[in-house]
Protein backbone atom coordinates (compact mmCIF):
# COMPACT_ATOMS: atom_id res chain seq x y z
CA UNK A 1 53.51 -17.55 33.75
CA UNK A 2 54.01 -13.80 33.25
CA UNK A 3 52.94 -11.03 35.57
CA UNK A 4 50.61 -9.74 32.81
CA UNK A 5 48.72 -13.04 32.61
CA UNK A 6 48.29 -13.11 36.39
CA UNK A 7 46.85 -9.58 36.27
CA UNK A 8 44.22 -10.78 33.77
CA UNK A 9 43.27 -13.74 35.92
CA UNK A 10 42.99 -11.50 38.96
CA UNK A 11 40.31 -9.45 37.21
CA UNK A 12 37.94 -12.38 37.68
CA UNK A 13 37.81 -11.65 41.42
CA UNK A 14 35.32 -9.20 42.98
CA UNK A 15 36.35 -5.54 42.99
CA UNK A 16 36.29 -5.39 46.79
CA UNK A 17 38.66 -8.37 46.93
CA UNK A 18 40.99 -6.81 44.34
CA UNK A 19 41.16 -3.51 46.23
CA UNK A 20 41.89 -5.21 49.55
CA UNK A 21 44.38 -7.87 48.43
CA UNK A 22 45.51 -6.81 44.97
CA UNK A 23 48.86 -5.27 45.87
CA UNK A 24 49.86 -8.08 48.22
CA UNK A 25 48.92 -10.79 45.69
CA UNK A 26 50.82 -9.07 42.90
CA UNK A 27 53.94 -8.73 45.09
CA UNK A 28 53.73 -12.44 46.00
CA UNK A 29 53.65 -13.39 42.32
CA UNK A 30 56.65 -11.16 41.59
CA UNK A 31 58.64 -12.79 44.42
CA UNK A 32 57.82 -16.32 43.27
CA UNK A 33 58.65 -15.48 39.66
CA UNK A 34 62.03 -14.18 40.84
CA UNK A 35 62.88 -17.05 43.19
CA UNK A 36 61.31 -20.04 41.44
CA UNK A 37 63.15 -20.64 38.19
CA UNK A 38 63.35 -23.76 36.10
CA UNK A 39 60.69 -25.80 34.37
CA UNK A 40 59.34 -27.80 37.32
CA UNK A 41 59.20 -24.86 39.73
CA UNK A 42 57.36 -22.73 37.17
CA UNK A 43 54.98 -25.62 36.45
CA UNK A 44 54.24 -25.83 40.20
CA UNK A 45 53.55 -22.06 40.22
CA UNK A 46 51.11 -22.38 37.34
CA UNK A 47 49.38 -25.30 39.08
CA UNK A 48 49.09 -23.32 42.34
CA UNK A 49 47.57 -20.34 40.54
CA UNK A 50 45.02 -22.44 38.62
CA UNK A 51 44.00 -24.35 41.74
CA UNK A 52 43.63 -21.07 43.62
CA UNK A 53 41.39 -19.68 40.88
CA UNK A 54 39.19 -22.79 40.83
CA UNK A 55 38.80 -23.07 44.61
CA UNK A 56 39.28 -19.53 45.77
CA UNK A 57 37.20 -17.59 43.27
CA UNK A 58 33.75 -18.79 44.52
CA UNK A 59 34.85 -18.32 48.12
CA UNK A 60 36.05 -14.80 47.34
CA UNK A 61 32.62 -13.85 46.00
CA UNK A 62 30.83 -15.36 49.00
CA UNK A 63 33.11 -13.60 51.45
CA UNK A 64 32.91 -10.32 49.56
CA UNK A 65 29.12 -10.17 49.89
CA UNK A 66 29.06 -11.58 53.42
CA UNK A 67 31.33 -8.85 54.88
CA UNK A 68 29.86 -6.05 52.83
CA UNK A 69 28.93 -3.02 54.92
CA UNK A 70 25.21 -2.62 55.42
CA UNK A 71 23.65 0.65 54.34
CA UNK A 72 21.97 2.35 57.28
CA UNK A 73 18.26 1.53 57.21
CA UNK A 74 15.69 4.20 57.94
CA UNK A 75 13.97 3.98 61.31
CA UNK A 76 10.62 2.95 59.82
CA UNK A 77 12.06 0.39 57.35
CA UNK A 78 10.54 -2.66 59.03
CA UNK A 79 8.31 -4.48 56.58
CA UNK A 80 9.11 -2.04 53.75
CA UNK A 81 10.90 -3.43 50.64
CA UNK A 82 14.38 -1.94 50.17
CA UNK A 83 17.38 -2.33 47.88
CA UNK A 84 21.04 -2.98 48.72
CA UNK A 85 24.03 -2.04 46.62
CA UNK A 86 26.13 -5.16 45.95
CA UNK A 87 28.97 -3.48 44.08
CA UNK A 88 30.13 0.09 44.25
CA UNK A 89 31.46 0.09 40.69
CA UNK A 90 29.00 1.32 38.03
CA UNK A 91 28.20 -0.79 34.99
CA UNK A 92 30.49 -0.20 32.06
CA UNK A 93 29.28 1.24 28.81
CA UNK A 94 29.96 -2.02 27.01
CA UNK A 95 27.83 -3.99 29.46
CA UNK A 96 24.96 -1.56 29.12
CA UNK A 97 25.18 -1.68 25.31
CA UNK A 98 25.27 -5.48 25.13
CA UNK A 99 22.46 -5.91 27.67
CA UNK A 100 20.23 -3.32 26.00
CA UNK A 101 20.80 -4.83 22.54
CA UNK A 102 19.95 -8.36 23.74
CA UNK A 103 16.81 -7.14 25.52
CA UNK A 104 15.50 -5.22 22.50
CA UNK A 105 16.28 -8.14 20.20
CA UNK A 106 14.42 -10.57 22.47
CA UNK A 107 11.35 -8.30 22.62
CA UNK A 108 11.36 -7.84 18.84
CA UNK A 109 11.67 -11.61 18.22
CA UNK A 110 8.86 -12.37 20.67
CA UNK A 111 6.57 -9.83 19.00
CA UNK A 112 7.37 -11.30 15.58
CA UNK A 113 6.52 -14.83 16.75
CA UNK A 114 3.21 -13.67 18.22
CA UNK A 115 2.23 -12.15 14.88
CA UNK A 116 2.78 -15.40 12.98
CA UNK A 117 0.36 -18.38 12.62
CA UNK A 118 1.15 -21.21 15.01
CA UNK A 119 2.87 -24.05 13.21
CA UNK A 120 1.44 -27.51 13.61
CA UNK A 121 3.92 -30.29 12.96
CA UNK A 122 3.62 -33.90 14.01
CA UNK A 123 7.00 -34.85 15.42
CA UNK A 124 8.73 -37.84 13.80
CA UNK A 125 8.65 -40.95 15.91
CA UNK A 126 5.49 -39.90 17.68
CA UNK A 127 3.44 -42.61 15.95
CA UNK A 128 0.95 -39.92 14.96
CA UNK A 129 0.12 -38.98 18.52
CA UNK A 130 -0.09 -35.35 19.45
CA UNK A 131 -0.51 -33.82 22.85
CA UNK A 132 -3.77 -32.09 23.88
CA UNK A 133 -2.00 -28.74 23.47
CA UNK A 134 -0.86 -29.65 19.93
CA UNK A 135 -4.37 -30.73 19.10
CA UNK A 136 -5.79 -27.39 20.23
CA UNK A 137 -3.15 -25.61 18.14
CA UNK A 138 -4.19 -27.67 15.13
CA UNK A 139 -7.85 -26.74 15.59
CA UNK A 140 -7.05 -23.06 16.10
CA UNK A 141 -5.04 -22.96 12.89
CA UNK A 142 -7.75 -24.82 11.03
CA UNK A 143 -10.26 -22.23 12.13
CA UNK A 144 -8.05 -19.24 11.19
CA UNK A 145 -6.69 -20.25 7.83
CA UNK A 146 -7.94 -22.64 5.14
CA UNK A 147 -5.87 -25.63 4.17
CA UNK A 148 -5.68 -24.31 0.68
CA UNK A 149 -6.35 -20.98 -0.90
CA UNK A 150 -7.35 -22.41 -4.19
CA UNK A 151 -10.18 -24.51 -5.41
CA UNK A 152 -11.51 -25.68 -8.70
CA UNK A 153 -14.92 -24.94 -10.00
CA UNK A 154 -17.57 -26.77 -8.05
CA UNK A 155 -20.94 -27.84 -9.26
CA UNK A 156 -23.63 -25.47 -8.15
CA UNK A 157 -25.46 -26.73 -5.09
CA UNK A 158 -29.12 -27.42 -5.45
CA UNK A 159 -31.87 -27.94 -2.95
CA UNK A 160 -35.23 -29.54 -3.38
CA UNK A 161 -38.42 -28.83 -1.54
CA UNK A 162 -42.16 -29.27 -1.97
CA UNK A 163 -42.66 -25.68 -3.14
CA UNK A 164 -39.65 -25.73 -5.58
CA UNK A 165 -37.97 -22.72 -4.00
CA UNK A 166 -34.60 -21.39 -5.01
CA UNK A 167 -31.71 -23.70 -3.99
CA UNK A 168 -29.84 -22.89 -0.80
CA UNK A 169 -26.11 -22.70 -0.04
CA UNK A 170 -24.52 -22.69 3.35
CA UNK A 171 -21.79 -20.92 5.31
CA UNK A 172 -18.07 -21.60 5.23
CA UNK A 173 -16.17 -23.01 8.18
CA UNK A 174 -13.10 -20.82 7.82
CA UNK A 175 -12.15 -17.51 6.29
CA UNK A 176 -11.04 -17.52 2.68
CA UNK A 177 -8.06 -15.74 1.10
CA UNK A 178 -7.50 -12.03 1.57
CA UNK A 179 -10.07 -9.95 -0.30
CA UNK A 180 -10.81 -6.27 -0.74
CA UNK A 181 -12.87 -4.84 2.12
CA UNK A 182 -16.12 -4.60 0.16
CA UNK A 183 -15.86 -8.13 -1.16
CA UNK A 184 -14.89 -9.54 2.23
CA UNK A 185 -17.79 -7.78 3.97
CA UNK A 186 -20.11 -9.15 1.34
CA UNK A 187 -18.85 -12.70 1.97
CA UNK A 188 -19.34 -12.39 5.73
CA UNK A 189 -22.82 -11.02 5.14
CA UNK A 190 -23.70 -14.01 2.98
CA UNK A 191 -22.38 -16.45 5.57
CA UNK A 192 -24.36 -14.76 8.33
CA UNK A 193 -27.58 -14.85 6.36
CA UNK A 194 -27.13 -18.47 5.32
CA UNK A 195 -26.47 -19.57 8.89
CA UNK A 196 -29.92 -18.58 10.12
CA UNK A 197 -33.28 -20.34 9.75
CA UNK A 198 -35.70 -19.29 7.05
CA UNK A 199 -38.11 -17.50 9.42
CA UNK A 200 -35.26 -15.56 11.00
CA UNK A 201 -34.11 -14.47 7.55
CA UNK A 202 -37.55 -13.13 6.70
CA UNK A 203 -38.03 -11.44 10.07
CA UNK A 204 -34.68 -9.74 10.44
CA UNK A 205 -33.15 -8.99 7.05
CA UNK A 206 -35.59 -6.68 5.32
CA UNK A 207 -33.15 -3.82 5.83
CA UNK A 208 -29.44 -3.59 6.33
CA UNK A 209 -27.94 -3.96 9.79
CA UNK A 210 -25.35 -5.70 11.93
CA UNK A 211 -26.04 -9.30 12.94
CA UNK A 212 -23.72 -11.65 14.84
CA UNK A 213 -22.99 -14.91 13.02
CA UNK A 214 -20.08 -17.29 12.52
CA UNK A 215 -18.15 -15.51 15.27
CA UNK A 216 -18.22 -12.20 13.40
CA UNK A 217 -20.43 -9.13 13.37
CA UNK A 218 -21.80 -9.29 9.87
CA UNK A 219 -22.96 -6.22 7.95
CA UNK A 220 -26.13 -7.41 6.24
CA UNK A 221 -26.81 -5.61 2.95
CA UNK A 222 -30.21 -4.23 2.10
CA UNK A 223 -32.74 -6.29 0.18
CA UNK A 224 -31.94 -4.37 -2.99
CA UNK A 225 -28.31 -5.58 -3.04
CA UNK A 226 -27.38 -7.02 -6.43
CA UNK A 227 -25.90 -10.21 -4.94
CA UNK A 228 -28.40 -12.94 -4.12
CA UNK A 229 -27.04 -14.60 -0.97
CA UNK A 230 -29.35 -17.58 -1.21
CA UNK A 231 -27.71 -18.93 -4.38
CA UNK A 232 -24.05 -18.01 -3.84
CA UNK A 233 -21.10 -20.24 -2.94
CA UNK A 234 -17.61 -19.56 -1.65
CA UNK A 235 -15.57 -20.74 -4.63
CA UNK A 236 -12.36 -20.82 -2.53
CA UNK A 237 -13.51 -24.04 -0.87
CA UNK A 238 -12.12 -27.19 -2.43
CA UNK A 239 -13.88 -30.28 -3.61
CA UNK A 240 -13.36 -32.85 -0.81
CA UNK A 241 -10.84 -35.65 -1.21
CA UNK A 242 -13.11 -38.66 -0.78
CA UNK A 243 -12.03 -42.24 -0.17
CA UNK A 244 -13.78 -45.57 0.07
CA UNK A 245 -15.21 -45.53 3.58
CA UNK A 246 -14.05 -48.96 4.75
CA UNK A 247 -10.47 -48.84 3.47
CA UNK A 248 -10.05 -45.22 4.59
CA UNK A 249 -11.25 -45.96 8.12
CA UNK A 250 -8.91 -48.97 8.40
CA UNK A 251 -5.98 -46.80 7.30
CA UNK A 252 -6.74 -44.35 10.11
CA UNK A 253 -5.44 -46.94 12.56
CA UNK A 254 -1.98 -46.63 11.01
CA UNK A 255 -1.82 -43.25 12.73
CA UNK A 256 -4.44 -43.25 15.47
CA UNK A 257 -4.89 -45.70 18.33
CA UNK A 258 -8.55 -44.73 18.73
CA UNK A 259 -11.16 -43.82 16.13
CA UNK A 260 -14.39 -42.42 17.59
CA UNK A 261 -17.49 -43.03 15.50
CA UNK A 262 -20.53 -40.88 16.34
CA UNK A 263 -23.48 -42.96 15.21
CA UNK A 264 -27.06 -42.08 14.33
CA UNK A 265 -29.15 -44.40 16.50
CA UNK A 266 -31.12 -47.09 14.68
CA UNK A 267 -29.95 -46.14 11.16
CA UNK A 268 -30.30 -49.24 8.97
CA UNK A 269 -27.85 -48.25 6.21
CA UNK A 270 -25.28 -47.12 8.78
CA UNK A 271 -25.28 -50.50 10.51
CA UNK A 272 -25.22 -52.46 7.29
CA UNK A 273 -22.00 -50.56 6.51
CA UNK A 274 -20.57 -51.26 9.99
CA UNK A 275 -21.28 -54.96 9.59
CA UNK A 276 -19.48 -54.96 6.25
CA UNK A 277 -16.60 -52.99 7.77
CA UNK A 278 -15.74 -55.55 10.45
CA UNK A 279 -15.61 -58.27 7.76
CA UNK A 280 -13.38 -56.21 5.46
CA UNK A 281 -9.94 -57.82 4.97
CA UNK A 282 -7.40 -56.00 7.11
CA UNK A 283 -9.83 -54.68 9.70
CA UNK A 284 -9.07 -57.36 12.29
CA UNK A 285 -5.34 -56.85 11.66
CA UNK A 286 -5.60 -53.21 12.74
CA UNK A 287 -8.41 -53.21 15.31
CA UNK A 288 -8.31 -55.10 18.61
CA UNK A 289 -11.54 -53.87 20.19
CA UNK A 290 -14.89 -52.30 19.35
CA UNK A 291 -16.32 -50.46 22.36
CA UNK A 292 -20.08 -50.07 22.03
CA UNK A 293 -22.51 -47.88 23.94
CA UNK A 294 -25.26 -50.44 23.28
CA UNK A 295 -23.76 -53.10 25.53
CA UNK A 296 -24.58 -53.81 29.18
CA UNK A 297 -21.41 -54.49 31.19
CA UNK A 298 -23.10 -57.37 33.03
CA UNK A 299 -22.95 -59.40 29.82
CA UNK A 300 -19.24 -58.96 28.99
CA UNK A 301 -18.24 -62.59 29.67
CA UNK A 302 -21.21 -63.91 27.71
CA UNK A 303 -20.41 -61.65 24.75
CA UNK A 304 -16.71 -62.64 24.86
CA UNK A 305 -17.69 -66.29 24.49
CA UNK A 306 -20.25 -65.51 21.79
CA UNK A 307 -17.95 -63.48 19.51
CA UNK A 308 -15.21 -66.07 20.02
CA UNK A 309 -17.48 -68.61 18.32
CA UNK A 310 -18.77 -70.59 21.27
CA UNK A 311 -22.25 -72.08 21.13
CA UNK A 312 -24.19 -69.43 23.05
CA UNK A 313 -27.97 -69.12 22.45
CA UNK A 314 -28.75 -65.84 20.70
CA UNK A 315 -31.62 -65.18 23.11
CA UNK A 316 -29.06 -65.16 25.91
CA UNK A 317 -26.58 -62.79 24.30
CA UNK A 318 -29.20 -60.31 23.06
CA UNK A 319 -29.72 -59.14 26.63
CA UNK A 320 -26.44 -57.26 26.21
CA UNK A 321 -28.07 -54.66 23.93
CA UNK A 322 -31.72 -55.02 24.91
CA UNK A 323 -30.92 -54.29 28.56
CA UNK A 324 -28.79 -51.21 27.99
CA UNK A 325 -29.38 -47.95 29.87
CA UNK A 326 -30.69 -44.79 28.19
CA UNK A 327 -33.00 -46.26 25.59
CA UNK A 328 -36.65 -45.22 25.81
CA UNK A 329 -37.79 -47.16 22.73
CA UNK A 330 -37.22 -50.87 22.22
CA UNK A 331 -33.72 -51.43 20.90
CA UNK A 332 -33.38 -51.79 17.14
CA UNK A 333 -32.52 -55.26 15.82
CA UNK A 334 -29.58 -53.82 13.85
CA UNK A 335 -27.41 -53.73 16.99
CA UNK A 336 -27.64 -57.52 17.05
CA UNK A 337 -26.42 -57.52 13.44
CA UNK A 338 -23.09 -56.05 14.56
CA UNK A 339 -22.65 -58.67 17.28
CA UNK A 340 -23.26 -61.39 14.68
CA UNK A 341 -20.88 -59.74 12.20
CA UNK A 342 -18.04 -59.64 14.74
CA UNK A 343 -18.65 -63.31 15.58
CA UNK A 344 -18.61 -64.27 11.88
CA UNK A 345 -15.46 -62.24 11.22
CA UNK A 346 -13.65 -63.98 14.09
CA UNK A 347 -14.79 -67.44 12.99
CA UNK A 348 -13.27 -66.83 9.54
CA UNK A 349 -9.84 -66.85 11.21
CA UNK A 350 -9.90 -69.64 13.84
CA UNK A 351 -6.92 -69.70 16.18
CA UNK A 352 -6.17 -66.04 15.61
CA UNK A 353 -6.86 -63.41 18.26
CA UNK A 354 -10.14 -61.94 17.06
CA UNK A 355 -11.96 -58.67 17.48
CA UNK A 356 -13.27 -58.13 20.99
CA UNK A 357 -16.66 -56.49 21.46
CA UNK A 358 -16.34 -54.42 24.66
CA UNK A 359 -19.48 -53.47 26.56
CA UNK A 360 -19.40 -49.69 27.16
CA UNK A 361 -22.69 -49.42 29.05
CA UNK A 362 -23.15 -49.50 32.84
CA UNK A 363 -23.75 -52.96 34.35
CA UNK A 364 -27.37 -52.44 35.31
CA UNK A 365 -29.57 -55.30 36.49
CA UNK A 366 -33.06 -54.25 35.39
CA UNK A 367 -34.68 -56.80 37.71
CA UNK A 368 -33.47 -54.63 40.61
CA UNK A 369 -34.63 -51.30 39.11
CA UNK A 370 -38.00 -50.47 40.67
CA UNK A 371 -38.01 -46.66 40.62
CA UNK A 372 -36.41 -43.64 38.98
CA UNK A 373 -34.19 -43.30 42.05
CA UNK A 374 -32.80 -46.78 41.38
CA UNK A 375 -32.13 -45.87 37.74
CA UNK A 376 -30.66 -42.39 38.24
CA UNK A 377 -27.08 -43.40 39.22
CA UNK A 378 -26.71 -45.49 36.05
CA UNK A 379 -28.14 -42.73 33.86
CA UNK A 380 -25.76 -40.13 35.33
CA UNK A 381 -22.65 -42.27 34.95
CA UNK A 382 -23.07 -43.45 31.37
CA UNK A 383 -20.21 -41.40 29.88
CA UNK A 384 -17.99 -41.89 32.93
CA UNK A 385 -18.47 -45.64 32.73
CA UNK A 386 -17.76 -45.67 28.99
CA UNK A 387 -14.54 -43.68 29.48
CA UNK A 388 -13.38 -45.96 32.28
CA UNK A 389 -13.95 -49.02 30.11
CA UNK A 390 -11.91 -47.44 27.29
CA UNK A 391 -9.07 -46.62 29.66
CA UNK A 392 -8.86 -50.07 31.27
CA UNK A 393 -9.76 -52.36 28.35
CA UNK A 394 -8.15 -50.43 25.48
CA UNK A 395 -5.61 -47.76 26.38
CA UNK A 396 -4.00 -49.57 29.32
CA UNK A 397 -3.45 -52.57 27.06
CA UNK A 398 -2.10 -50.42 24.18
CA UNK A 399 -4.86 -51.66 21.87
CA UNK A 400 -6.36 -50.09 18.77
CA UNK A 401 -10.10 -49.58 19.11
CA UNK A 402 -13.16 -48.36 17.24
CA UNK A 403 -15.43 -46.53 19.69
CA UNK A 404 -19.13 -46.42 18.79
CA UNK A 405 -21.48 -44.12 20.68
CA UNK A 406 -24.30 -41.72 19.86
CA UNK A 407 -22.89 -38.69 18.04
CA UNK A 408 -24.07 -36.31 20.78
CA UNK A 409 -21.58 -37.88 23.20
CA UNK A 410 -18.63 -37.29 20.85
CA UNK A 411 -19.26 -34.04 18.97
CA UNK A 412 -17.03 -31.08 19.79
CA UNK A 413 -18.75 -27.92 20.94
CA UNK A 414 -22.04 -29.78 21.35
CA UNK A 415 -23.26 -27.65 24.26
CA UNK A 416 -22.75 -24.45 22.26
CA UNK A 417 -24.43 -26.06 19.24
CA UNK A 418 -27.51 -26.93 21.31
CA UNK A 419 -27.75 -23.34 22.56
CA UNK A 420 -27.70 -22.07 18.97
CA UNK A 421 -30.24 -24.70 17.98
CA UNK A 422 -32.68 -23.62 20.69
CA UNK A 423 -32.28 -19.97 19.69
CA UNK A 424 -32.91 -20.80 16.02
CA UNK A 425 -36.01 -22.87 16.81
CA UNK A 426 -37.44 -19.92 18.76
CA UNK A 427 -36.57 -17.56 15.88
CA UNK A 428 -34.29 -15.51 18.12
CA UNK A 429 -31.23 -13.68 16.85
CA UNK A 430 -28.34 -16.12 17.10
CA UNK A 431 -25.67 -15.29 19.69
CA UNK A 432 -22.09 -14.61 18.70
CA UNK A 433 -20.14 -17.79 17.93
CA UNK A 434 -16.74 -18.03 19.58
CA UNK A 435 -15.05 -21.02 17.95
CA UNK A 436 -12.34 -21.15 20.58
CA UNK A 437 -15.03 -22.34 23.01
CA UNK A 438 -15.96 -25.30 20.80
CA UNK A 439 -13.96 -27.73 22.91
CA UNK A 440 -14.04 -31.55 22.81
CA UNK A 441 -16.70 -33.33 24.82
CA UNK A 442 -16.11 -35.25 28.03
CA UNK A 443 -15.23 -38.57 26.39
CA UNK A 444 -12.65 -37.10 24.01
CA UNK A 445 -11.12 -34.89 26.73
CA UNK A 446 -10.62 -37.87 29.01
CA UNK A 447 -9.07 -39.94 26.23
CA UNK A 448 -6.69 -37.15 25.27
CA UNK A 449 -5.70 -36.70 28.90
CA UNK A 450 -4.11 -40.16 28.76
CA UNK A 451 -1.86 -39.10 25.88
CA UNK A 452 -3.92 -40.81 23.17
CA UNK A 453 -4.84 -38.93 20.01
CA UNK A 454 -8.36 -39.92 18.87
CA UNK A 455 -9.84 -39.22 15.43
CA UNK A 456 -13.54 -38.34 15.27
CA UNK A 457 -15.80 -39.59 12.47
CA UNK A 458 -19.50 -38.74 12.46
CA UNK A 459 -22.35 -40.21 10.42
CA UNK A 460 -24.34 -37.78 8.26
CA UNK A 461 -26.28 -37.24 5.07
CA UNK A 462 -27.15 -34.48 2.59
CA UNK A 463 -29.74 -32.56 4.66
CA UNK A 464 -28.92 -28.85 5.03
CA UNK A 465 -31.82 -27.54 7.11
CA UNK A 466 -34.93 -28.72 8.95
CA UNK A 467 -37.26 -28.08 6.01
CA UNK A 468 -36.43 -31.19 3.98
CA UNK A 469 -33.93 -29.41 1.72
CA UNK A 470 -30.81 -31.26 0.54
CA UNK A 471 -27.52 -30.32 -1.08
CA UNK A 472 -27.27 -32.17 -4.36
CA UNK A 473 -23.51 -31.78 -4.50
CA UNK A 474 -23.50 -34.96 -2.42
CA UNK A 475 -24.78 -36.79 -5.51
CA UNK A 476 -21.25 -36.62 -6.94
CA UNK A 477 -19.80 -38.55 -3.98
CA UNK A 478 -19.41 -42.32 -4.59
CA UNK A 479 -21.09 -43.57 -1.41
CA UNK A 480 -20.10 -44.99 0.96
CA UNK A 481 -17.25 -42.53 1.42
CA UNK A 482 -15.24 -41.02 4.24
CA UNK A 483 -14.89 -37.26 3.76
CA UNK A 484 -12.20 -35.31 5.70
CA UNK A 485 -13.83 -32.04 6.76
CA UNK A 486 -11.04 -29.49 6.74
CA UNK A 487 -10.98 -26.86 3.98
CA UNK A 488 -13.80 -28.10 1.73
CA UNK A 489 -17.47 -27.40 1.14
CA UNK A 490 -18.63 -30.46 3.11
CA UNK A 491 -16.85 -29.24 6.25
CA UNK A 492 -18.40 -25.81 5.74
CA UNK A 493 -21.99 -27.12 5.94
CA UNK A 494 -24.01 -26.51 9.11
CA UNK A 495 -23.41 -29.59 11.23
CA UNK A 496 -26.72 -30.20 12.95
CA UNK A 497 -28.97 -30.83 9.88
CA UNK A 498 -26.37 -33.12 8.27
CA UNK A 499 -25.90 -35.20 11.42
CA UNK A 500 -29.57 -35.32 12.47
CA UNK A 501 -31.01 -35.97 9.02
CA UNK A 502 -32.77 -32.61 8.92
CA UNK A 503 -34.33 -32.84 12.38
CA UNK A 504 -32.32 -29.81 13.61
CA UNK A 505 -32.06 -26.29 12.10
CA UNK A 506 -29.05 -24.83 10.35
CA UNK A 507 -26.79 -22.87 12.69
CA UNK A 508 -23.29 -21.35 12.29
CA UNK A 509 -21.57 -24.38 13.89
CA UNK A 510 -20.14 -26.36 10.97
CA UNK A 511 -19.19 -29.97 10.42
CA UNK A 512 -15.50 -29.01 10.53
CA UNK A 513 -16.10 -27.43 13.94
CA UNK A 514 -17.50 -30.65 15.38
CA UNK A 515 -15.64 -33.57 13.80
CA UNK A 516 -12.65 -34.64 11.70
CA UNK A 517 -14.47 -36.62 9.01
CA UNK A 518 -17.97 -37.47 7.77
CA UNK A 519 -19.20 -40.95 6.91
CA UNK A 520 -21.66 -40.60 4.02
CA UNK A 521 -23.46 -43.78 2.95
CA UNK A 522 -26.31 -42.25 0.97
CA UNK A 523 -28.79 -39.39 0.57
CA UNK A 524 -31.77 -38.75 2.79
CA UNK A 525 -34.10 -40.35 0.28
CA UNK A 526 -32.68 -43.84 0.95
CA UNK A 527 -31.94 -43.72 4.69
CA UNK A 528 -34.25 -45.56 7.02
CA UNK A 529 -34.60 -45.97 10.76
CA UNK A 530 -35.33 -49.56 11.73
CA UNK A 531 -37.47 -50.60 14.71
CA UNK A 532 -38.74 -53.95 15.91
CA UNK A 533 -41.89 -55.42 14.36
CA UNK A 534 -45.28 -55.69 16.12
CA UNK A 535 -44.66 -59.41 16.50
CA UNK A 536 -41.53 -58.65 18.55
CA UNK A 537 -43.35 -56.30 20.93
CA UNK A 538 -47.13 -56.66 21.08
CA UNK A 539 -48.00 -58.96 23.96
CA UNK A 540 -44.40 -60.16 24.36
CA UNK A 541 -42.34 -60.20 27.56
CA UNK A 542 -39.89 -57.72 26.06
CA UNK A 543 -42.64 -55.30 25.01
CA UNK A 544 -44.16 -55.40 28.49
CA UNK A 545 -40.74 -54.91 30.09
CA UNK A 546 -40.02 -51.85 27.92
CA UNK A 547 -43.36 -50.34 28.97
CA UNK A 548 -42.39 -50.89 32.62
CA UNK A 549 -39.02 -49.20 32.06
CA UNK A 550 -40.62 -46.20 30.33
CA UNK A 551 -42.96 -45.67 33.26
CA UNK A 552 -39.95 -45.74 35.61
CA UNK A 553 -37.86 -43.36 33.47
CA UNK A 554 -40.56 -41.04 32.10
CA UNK A 555 -43.57 -41.54 34.34
CA UNK A 556 -45.76 -42.80 31.48
CA UNK A 557 -45.73 -45.44 28.73
CA UNK A 558 -44.55 -44.65 25.20
CA UNK A 559 -46.19 -45.59 21.90
CA UNK A 560 -43.72 -47.81 20.06
CA UNK A 561 -42.94 -47.29 16.35
CA UNK A 562 -42.70 -50.40 14.20
CA UNK A 563 -40.63 -51.49 11.24
CA UNK A 564 -38.69 -49.23 8.88
CA UNK A 565 -39.48 -45.51 8.67
CA UNK A 566 -37.74 -42.65 6.80
CA UNK A 567 -34.74 -41.43 8.78
CA UNK A 568 -34.76 -37.83 7.48
CA UNK A 569 -37.26 -35.00 7.59
CA UNK A 570 -39.23 -34.89 4.35
CA UNK A 571 -40.48 -31.62 2.79
CA UNK A 572 -44.11 -32.53 3.53
CA UNK A 573 -43.22 -32.92 7.24
CA UNK A 574 -41.68 -29.44 7.50
CA UNK A 575 -43.51 -26.50 9.08
CA UNK A 576 -42.06 -23.54 7.22
C-alpha cells in the first residue's frame, strides 16, 4: 500500500473532514509504512484501511453535516423558506459539463419520444391480455393512423331508395396518408358533409363555410366545386379481411377470455346464427359460459338442470326469459331457441362438462312487483347485476365466456353517439367530435378493471342512414361473416344506422369507434324481427301479465306486434 494510493482513497471523504484530519491521517500512514514491514504486517495495514473506508466513510459524511456551522438566519426568517450551504467548495468544471450534458440529452430524448406515435405491442406470455392503459393506447393509435396506407381498388358503393337518388358514401374512421393541403382539406370536407343527415346537408351547405365534423373543423367547399362529395370514396381504405363468422368467433377465445356480443333484440337471423354457433364443433371446447341479459337470476338452478339434459318441462324453464326485467313487449320466442340449442349441444357430449347458460338479469319476482317503486331498484341495477355475475361466475373461475347483451349496453362512446343522434334528428349542426372521449361503457370498464381484455363484436347490416339507403358493397361479403373494423371501409361507416338497421341517422361516430368487429349475417332486405303470435298472447295468462307489467312500468298498456316484421327501415317508411 503506497502513500499515493492512500491519498486517492482519502479523496472520497468530505472536504471538511480532509481539511481537519488530512495531515494527521497522512502522517499516521507514513509511520505505519515505515514501522510495519513484511508481508503479513502490510496485509494487516491494507485490511485496516479498507475496513476504515467501509465503516468510517458514511460516518464521516454524517458527522461533517451534523457539526457544520449554521449560517446566521435573518430576524424575520421564521416560516420563510431558506437555503443552507452544505459544502464550501464550488462545483468543478467537469461536474458542471457532465451534469449539463446529461440534462440536455434527457430533455431532447423526452421531446423526441413525445413526438412519436405510441407503440402498441402485446407482451409475450401475456396470453393476449392487455392492461386498460394499453387498450387505451391501442385505440388512440387506431384513431390517429390507419393500419395500412395502401388499399386496392374497391367496388363503388351504391345506395338504393324509392326515388332512385344518387348513391351515397360515408365518412372514414381515421385519417389517411399524408396529402397536399388542398387535397387533404377536400377530403375532410367530404367526410364532414357525408356525416350529416340529408336535411342538414340541404340547409347548411349551399355556400362554403366551416362546419365541425369528425373531430375536425371542416372547410366546406361551395356548391360549384368540381368534386361531388355524395359519390366519392376514400380509396386509401382497404377491403376488409372477412372470415366465416362461427370459426372466427371461436378463434377469438384463443386470445381473449371474454367476447362481448352486442345483439339486436328480437332479430330472427341473428339468433338462428347464434343457435348454429353453439353447436359448431370446437365451440364447447373454447367456451365455458354464455352470460345472457335475457335470463332472470331466480331461474339459474332450473336452467342449469335444463341445459345439462335433465327432464325439465319447457313451460317451467321459459320463465327465465319471459320474466326478465326491462322488456316492454312480450319476449321473442327466439330467446328460447338459444336455451334449446345449448341443451342440445351439451347432450351431444354426455359426461363432458358442457356449456353453462348464466342468467345475467336481476332476480326479480314479478308476483311481488305491484308498482313502479317496486320495479325501480331492479331497473336501475341491471348493468351492475350483469357485471357482478360476470365477475363471480366467469372471471373469478378463470372461464372463457360469450357475453350477450343489447348492443347499447356494450358500445363504446354510446352517450356521445346518442347526443349526436339527437342533434341530427333535430337538424341541428353537429357538435365537434372528440374521439378521445369515446370511452368504453360501464360493463366493459368494469371487466377491464379486473385485468381481463374483452373483445367487442356488434351485430349490424348494410343500412347507412335512416332513409332506407344501403351500401351495396356488403353484397360482396359471404355472409355470415365477422369483419374486423380497423382500417377498412366497413369500420369507416357511421355506426348507428348499421347497428340499428336504419332506425338511427348517420353521424360522425363510426363502427370502428364503437366496436372491434361486426357480425354481418345478411342485408336489410332479408332481416326480420320476430314476435309472438296472437295465439300466444290474445286472452292468454302471459298476454294479460305483460299488459299488467306495462301499466306498472309505463303507466299504460302497449299494443303488441305479432309475428315476423321487417327489421330495417324501408325507403317507403322514411320521411325525407
